[in-house]
């Protein structure tokens, strides 16, 4: 399935979670999420958990932990 992470489309397996999509996008970004330097948000600006479910076409944004929503960091 295709998921957008920071406006970049990544292809991941069906049943993948947020962690899988962020890892496919960037191992560095995933490390920053683990270190609580960055947070993952959905298209509506809500924080999502690493084990959160994904569906085809979902959009995620990895932002500085103090940011929220779709603003660039």
Protein backbone atom coordinates (compact mmCIF):
# COMPACT_ATOMS: atom_id res chain seq x y z
CA UNK A 1 0.00 0.00 0.00
CA UNK A 2 1.06 3.60 -0.52
CA UNK A 3 1.41 6.06 2.34
CA UNK A 4 2.69 9.64 2.21
CA UNK A 5 5.25 10.67 4.80
CA UNK A 6 6.15 14.37 4.72
CA UNK A 7 4.66 14.56 1.21
CA UNK A 8 6.86 11.68 -0.05
CA UNK A 9 5.08 8.49 -1.14
CA UNK A 10 6.44 5.27 0.34
CA UNK A 11 5.29 1.77 -0.52
CA UNK A 12 4.82 -0.59 2.40
CA UNK A 13 3.16 -3.93 3.02
CA UNK A 14 -0.54 -4.32 3.84
CA UNK A 15 -1.03 -4.31 7.61
CA UNK A 16 1.96 -2.04 8.23
CA UNK A 17 1.86 0.42 11.12
CA UNK A 18 3.09 4.00 11.54
CA UNK A 19 6.55 2.81 12.61
CA UNK A 20 6.93 0.79 9.40
CA UNK A 21 6.02 3.78 7.22
CA UNK A 22 8.39 6.15 9.03
CA UNK A 23 11.22 3.59 8.86
CA UNK A 24 10.68 3.18 5.12
CA UNK A 25 10.70 6.97 4.73
CA UNK A 26 13.86 7.55 6.81
CA UNK A 27 15.75 5.61 9.47
CA UNK A 28 17.04 8.94 10.77
CA UNK A 29 13.50 10.27 11.19
CA UNK A 30 12.51 7.09 13.03
CA UNK A 31 15.49 7.45 15.38
CA UNK A 32 14.42 11.04 16.12
CA UNK A 33 10.90 9.82 16.93
CA UNK A 34 12.37 7.19 19.27
CA UNK A 35 14.50 9.88 20.94
CA UNK A 36 11.35 12.05 21.33
CA UNK A 37 12.92 14.80 19.25
CA UNK A 38 10.19 14.39 16.62
CA UNK A 39 6.56 13.27 16.67
CA UNK A 40 4.36 11.73 14.00
CA UNK A 41 1.07 13.45 13.11
CA UNK A 42 -1.75 12.50 10.75
CA UNK A 43 -3.24 14.68 8.02
CA UNK A 44 -5.53 16.37 10.57
CA UNK A 45 -2.72 17.32 12.94
CA UNK A 46 -3.38 14.59 15.50
CA UNK A 47 -0.44 12.81 17.05
CA UNK A 48 -0.32 9.13 16.10
CA UNK A 49 1.26 6.22 17.98
CA UNK A 50 4.07 4.19 16.41
CA UNK A 51 1.85 1.10 16.46
CA UNK A 52 -1.08 2.96 14.88
CA UNK A 53 -2.88 1.28 12.00
CA UNK A 54 -2.57 2.61 8.46
CA UNK A 55 -4.78 2.42 5.39
CA UNK A 56 -4.01 2.97 1.73
CA UNK A 57 -3.55 6.68 1.03
CA UNK A 58 -2.95 7.82 4.61
CA UNK A 59 -0.66 10.82 5.10
CA UNK A 60 1.79 11.26 7.95
CA UNK A 61 4.01 14.16 8.98
CA UNK A 62 7.16 13.80 11.08
CA UNK A 63 7.71 17.09 12.89
CA UNK A 64 9.68 18.49 15.80
CA UNK A 65 8.01 17.39 19.02
CA UNK A 66 6.98 20.95 19.88
CA UNK A 67 5.22 21.34 16.49
CA UNK A 68 1.72 20.17 15.68
CA UNK A 69 -0.16 19.64 12.48
CA UNK A 70 1.07 20.25 8.96
CA UNK A 71 3.47 23.16 9.47
CA UNK A 72 6.97 22.60 8.14
CA UNK A 73 9.87 21.98 10.50
